[in-house]
Amino acid sequence: MQSDERKIMTPTKESVDINYISIPVTKSMVDLVLRLKKPKQLEELSTSFHDGYLELSGIAIKNRLKIKFNIKLKPINTKNRKVFFEILEFKPMNFDWLNKMIFNIPPIITYEEMIIIDLNEIRKIKSIPYGTINKLEIKDNLIWCQVSL
């Protein structure tokens, strides 16, 4: 009789273990938020997704000097709905003043020794009133966010 009870409990228990929803975030969603929040010192800011990392490119303006940049960011951790990134590659150079200029787009992007992107600024994520991002994966030209329920 116990084995029958286990068979009944197993499917229920397995269905309870899956308590997240996967949400795809597209390049256009990220570009829209960046375009709306972009500071005046940045031009032509755009993103692209590659397997395992996010790429930001654009032009930073300082003292009328235009500096093209290209940055590759790898997600390393999540907390609540924020994602922490490490810099894989920074062209032309990784200057602290340039980091602060590019990554100071509150509330979506902040720079505090590492890059923090608040995905709650994206409407599709914000529409879910509760839950945190447990896992993030960049693949197939999408950012896949697993939001716990």
C-alpha atoms as a PDB file:
ATOM      1  CA  MET A   1       0.000   0.000   0.000  1.00  0.00           C
ATOM      2  CA  GLN A   2       2.870   2.377   0.677  1.00  0.00           C
ATOM      3  CA  SER A   3       4.191   2.019  -2.873  1.00  0.00           C
ATOM      4  CA  ASP A   4       0.790   3.122  -4.244  1.00  0.00           C
ATOM      5  CA  GLU A   5       0.895   6.197  -2.015  1.00  0.00           C
ATOM      6  CA  ARG A   6       4.393   7.074  -3.280  1.00  0.00           C
ATOM      7  CA  LYS A   7       3.274   6.833  -6.886  1.00  0.00           C
ATOM      8  CA  ILE A   8       0.457   9.218  -6.133  1.00  0.00           C
ATOM      9  CA  MET A   9       2.721  11.630  -4.234  1.00  0.00           C
ATOM     10  CA  THR A  10       5.568  11.640  -6.783  1.00  0.00           C
ATOM     11  CA  PRO A  11       3.767  13.455  -9.637  1.00  0.00           C
ATOM     12  CA  THR A  12       2.379  16.038  -7.212  1.00  0.00           C
ATOM     13  CA  LYS A  13       5.729  16.633  -5.605  1.00  0.00           C
ATOM     14  CA  GLU A  14       7.446  16.986  -8.997  1.00  0.00           C
ATOM     15  CA  SER A  15       4.910  19.545 -10.152  1.00  0.00           C
ATOM     16  CA  VAL A  16       5.465  21.596  -6.987  1.00  0.00           C
ATOM     17  CA  ASP A  17       9.255  21.614  -7.525  1.00  0.00           C
ATOM     18  CA  ILE A  18       8.842  23.592 -10.772  1.00  0.00           C
ATOM     19  CA  ASN A  19       8.057  26.987  -9.284  1.00  0.00           C
ATOM     20  CA  TYR A  20       9.484  29.440 -11.789  1.00  0.00           C
ATOM     21  CA  ILE A  21       8.541  30.935 -15.118  1.00  0.00           C
ATOM     22  CA  SER A  22      10.989  31.495 -17.987  1.00  0.00           C
ATOM     23  CA  ILE A  23      10.677  34.914 -19.577  1.00  0.00           C
ATOM     24  CA  PRO A  24      12.459  35.749 -22.825  1.00  0.00           C
ATOM     25  CA  VAL A  25      13.836  39.300 -23.079  1.00  0.00           C
ATOM     26  CA  THR A  26      14.635  40.505 -26.595  1.00  0.00           C
ATOM     27  CA  LYS A  27      17.249  42.951 -27.863  1.00  0.00           C
ATOM     28  CA  SER A  28      14.526  45.447 -28.798  1.00  0.00           C
ATOM     29  CA  MET A  29      13.163  45.429 -25.216  1.00  0.00           C
ATOM     30  CA  VAL A  30      16.594  46.241 -23.777  1.00  0.00           C
ATOM     31  CA  ASP A  31      17.331  48.826 -26.496  1.00  0.00           C
ATOM     32  CA  LEU A  32      14.012  50.588 -25.818  1.00  0.00           C
ATOM     33  CA  VAL A  33      14.725  50.971 -22.092  1.00  0.00           C
ATOM     34  CA  LEU A  34      18.292  52.141 -22.764  1.00  0.00           C
ATOM     35  CA  ARG A  35      17.110  54.655 -25.369  1.00  0.00           C
ATOM     36  CA  LEU A  36      14.556  56.131 -22.949  1.00  0.00           C
ATOM     37  CA  LYS A  37      17.030  56.400 -20.041  1.00  0.00           C
ATOM     38  CA  LYS A  38      20.229  57.203 -22.000  1.00  0.00           C
ATOM     39  CA  PRO A  39      22.286  60.179 -20.776  1.00  0.00           C
ATOM     40  CA  LYS A  40      23.249  62.951 -23.214  1.00  0.00           C
ATOM     41  CA  GLN A  41      26.916  61.906 -23.216  1.00  0.00           C
ATOM     42  CA  LEU A  42      26.090  58.639 -24.992  1.00  0.00           C
ATOM     43  CA  GLU A  43      25.154  58.221 -28.645  1.00  0.00           C
ATOM     44  CA  GLU A  44      24.201  55.218 -30.744  1.00  0.00           C
ATOM     45  CA  LEU A  45      23.878  52.948 -27.702  1.00  0.00           C
ATOM     46  CA  SER A  46      22.912  49.427 -28.749  1.00  0.00           C
ATOM     47  CA  THR A  47      23.010  45.883 -27.456  1.00  0.00           C
ATOM     48  CA  SER A  48      23.531  42.461 -28.921  1.00  0.00           C
ATOM     49  CA  PHE A  49      23.242  39.043 -27.327  1.00  0.00           C
ATOM     50  CA  HIS A  50      25.677  36.201 -27.858  1.00  0.00           C
ATOM     51  CA  ASP A  51      25.793  32.799 -26.233  1.00  0.00           C
ATOM     52  CA  GLY A  52      26.858  33.536 -22.676  1.00  0.00           C
ATOM     53  CA  TYR A  53      27.389  37.288 -22.830  1.00  0.00           C
ATOM     54  CA  LEU A  54      25.806  40.659 -23.589  1.00  0.00           C
ATOM     55  CA  GLU A  55      27.537  43.213 -25.796  1.00  0.00           C
ATOM     56  CA  LEU A  56      27.043  46.980 -25.458  1.00  0.00           C
ATOM     57  CA  SER A  57      28.367  49.402 -28.040  1.00  0.00           C
ATOM     58  CA  GLY A  58      28.056  53.086 -28.751  1.00  0.00           C
ATOM     59  CA  ILE A  59      29.817  56.429 -28.616  1.00  0.00           C
ATOM     60  CA  ALA A  60      30.729  58.289 -25.421  1.00  0.00           C
ATOM     61  CA  ILE A  61      31.308  62.048 -25.610  1.00  0.00           C
ATOM     62  CA  LYS A  62      33.711  63.792 -23.235  1.00  0.00           C
ATOM     63  CA  ASN A  63      34.928  67.340 -23.843  1.00  0.00           C
ATOM     64  CA  ARG A  64      33.613  67.180 -27.437  1.00  0.00           C
ATOM     65  CA  LEU A  65      35.762  64.106 -28.052  1.00  0.00           C
ATOM     66  CA  LYS A  66      33.803  61.120 -29.398  1.00  0.00           C
ATOM     67  CA  ILE A  67      35.021  57.735 -28.196  1.00  0.00           C
ATOM     68  CA  LYS A  68      33.606  54.558 -29.720  1.00  0.00           C
ATOM     69  CA  PHE A  69      33.280  51.726 -27.237  1.00  0.00           C
ATOM     70  CA  ASN A  70      32.422  48.054 -27.293  1.00  0.00           C
ATOM     71  CA  ILE A  71      31.945  46.095 -24.072  1.00  0.00           C
ATOM     72  CA  LYS A  72      31.291  42.404 -23.508  1.00  0.00           C
ATOM     73  CA  LEU A  73      29.542  41.567 -20.239  1.00  0.00           C
ATOM     74  CA  LYS A  74      29.083  38.151 -18.672  1.00  0.00           C
ATOM     75  CA  PRO A  75      26.335  37.596 -16.056  1.00  0.00           C
ATOM     76  CA  ILE A  76      27.807  36.234 -12.830  1.00  0.00           C
ATOM     77  CA  ASN A  77      25.070  36.604 -10.214  1.00  0.00           C
ATOM     78  CA  THR A  78      21.479  37.694  -9.630  1.00  0.00           C
ATOM     79  CA  LYS A  79      19.829  39.325  -6.648  1.00  0.00           C
ATOM     80  CA  ASN A  80      16.126  40.094  -6.625  1.00  0.00           C
ATOM     81  CA  ARG A  81      15.617  41.346 -10.182  1.00  0.00           C
ATOM     82  CA  LYS A  82      19.100  42.736 -10.632  1.00  0.00           C
ATOM     83  CA  VAL A  83      21.843  41.021 -12.590  1.00  0.00           C
ATOM     84  CA  PHE A  84      25.529  41.487 -11.794  1.00  0.00           C
ATOM     85  CA  PHE A  85      27.942  41.423 -14.728  1.00  0.00           C
ATOM     86  CA  GLU A  86      31.693  41.194 -15.059  1.00  0.00           C
ATOM     87  CA  ILE A  87      33.516  42.883 -17.923  1.00  0.00           C
ATOM     88  CA  LEU A  88      34.985  40.304 -20.310  1.00  0.00           C
ATOM     89  CA  GLU A  89      36.316  42.808 -22.825  1.00  0.00           C
ATOM     90  CA  PHE A  90      36.348  46.596 -23.020  1.00  0.00           C
ATOM     91  CA  LYS A  91      37.470  48.470 -26.121  1.00  0.00           C
ATOM     92  CA  PRO A  92      39.175  50.906 -26.543  1.00  0.00           C
ATOM     93  CA  MET A  93      40.273  50.894 -22.867  1.00  0.00           C
ATOM     94  CA  ASN A  94      38.792  50.244 -19.466  1.00  0.00           C
ATOM     95  CA  PHE A  95      38.885  53.746 -17.943  1.00  0.00           C
ATOM     96  CA  ASP A  96      37.068  54.309 -14.660  1.00  0.00           C
ATOM     97  CA  TRP A  97      35.578  57.627 -15.898  1.00  0.00           C
ATOM     98  CA  LEU A  98      34.304  55.906 -19.052  1.00  0.00           C
ATOM     99  CA  ASN A  99      32.755  53.086 -17.000  1.00  0.00           C
ATOM    100  CA  LYS A 100      30.937  55.601 -14.840  1.00  0.00           C
ATOM    101  CA  MET A 101      29.675  57.484 -17.890  1.00  0.00           C
ATOM    102  CA  ILE A 102      28.426  54.394 -19.704  1.00  0.00           C
ATOM    103  CA  PHE A 103      27.128  52.477 -16.716  1.00  0.00           C
ATOM    104  CA  ASN A 104      25.490  55.332 -14.853  1.00  0.00           C
ATOM    105  CA  ILE A 105      21.996  55.099 -16.318  1.00  0.00           C
ATOM    106  CA  PRO A 106      19.868  54.879 -13.180  1.00  0.00           C
ATOM    107  CA  PRO A 107      17.709  53.043 -12.456  1.00  0.00           C
ATOM    108  CA  ILE A 108      18.480  50.476 -15.178  1.00  0.00           C
ATOM    109  CA  ILE A 109      22.308  50.319 -15.081  1.00  0.00           C
ATOM    110  CA  THR A 110      24.634  51.229 -12.222  1.00  0.00           C
ATOM    111  CA  TYR A 111      28.363  50.846 -11.735  1.00  0.00           C
ATOM    112  CA  GLU A 112      29.649  49.895  -8.287  1.00  0.00           C
ATOM    113  CA  GLU A 113      32.904  47.972  -8.912  1.00  0.00           C
ATOM    114  CA  MET A 114      30.823  45.752 -11.212  1.00  0.00           C
ATOM    115  CA  ILE A 115      27.949  46.414 -13.593  1.00  0.00           C
ATOM    116  CA  ILE A 116      24.448  45.976 -12.212  1.00  0.00           C
ATOM    117  CA  ILE A 117      21.457  45.888 -14.559  1.00  0.00           C
ATOM    118  CA  ASP A 118      17.967  46.093 -13.057  1.00  0.00           C
ATOM    119  CA  LEU A 119      15.783  43.989 -15.341  1.00  0.00           C
ATOM    120  CA  ASN A 120      12.665  45.159 -13.511  1.00  0.00           C
ATOM    121  CA  GLU A 121      12.785  48.246 -15.748  1.00  0.00           C
ATOM    122  CA  ILE A 122      11.781  46.024 -18.672  1.00  0.00           C
ATOM    123  CA  ARG A 123       8.007  45.984 -18.977  1.00  0.00           C
ATOM    124  CA  LYS A 124       7.738  42.221 -19.513  1.00  0.00           C
ATOM    125  CA  ILE A 125       9.592  41.525 -16.232  1.00  0.00           C
ATOM    126  CA  LYS A 126       7.856  44.339 -14.374  1.00  0.00           C
ATOM    127  CA  SER A 127       4.433  42.932 -15.318  1.00  0.00           C
ATOM    128  CA  ILE A 128       5.036  39.994 -12.956  1.00  0.00           C
ATOM    129  CA  PRO A 129       4.276  41.566  -9.558  1.00  0.00           C
ATOM    130  CA  TYR A 130       6.262  39.112  -7.440  1.00  0.00           C
ATOM    131  CA  GLY A 131       9.254  36.798  -7.605  1.00  0.00           C
ATOM    132  CA  THR A 132      12.979  37.165  -8.090  1.00  0.00           C
ATOM    133  CA  ILE A 133      15.292  36.220 -10.933  1.00  0.00           C
ATOM    134  CA  ASN A 134      16.956  32.971  -9.908  1.00  0.00           C
ATOM    135  CA  LYS A 135      18.732  32.136 -13.124  1.00  0.00           C
ATOM    136  CA  LEU A 136      19.707  34.067 -16.208  1.00  0.00           C
ATOM    137  CA  GLU A 137      20.938  32.653 -19.482  1.00  0.00           C
ATOM    138  CA  ILE A 138      21.889  34.456 -22.670  1.00  0.00           C
ATOM    139  CA  LYS A 139      21.358  32.281 -25.738  1.00  0.00           C
ATOM    140  CA  ASP A 140      19.608  32.276 -29.112  1.00  0.00           C
ATOM    141  CA  ASN A 141      19.630  36.122 -29.235  1.00  0.00           C
ATOM    142  CA  LEU A 142      17.527  36.275 -26.053  1.00  0.00           C
ATOM    143  CA  ILE A 143      18.079  36.772 -22.347  1.00  0.00           C
ATOM    144  CA  TRP A 144      16.168  33.972 -20.626  1.00  0.00           C
ATOM    145  CA  CYS A 145      15.153  34.968 -17.094  1.00  0.00           C
ATOM    146  CA  GLN A 146      13.824  32.392 -14.687  1.00  0.00           C
ATOM    147  CA  VAL A 147      11.604  34.245 -12.238  1.00  0.00           C
ATOM    148  CA  SER A 148      10.656  32.316  -9.101  1.00  0.00           C
ATOM    149  CA  LEU A 149       6.995  32.304  -8.200  1.00  0.00           C
END
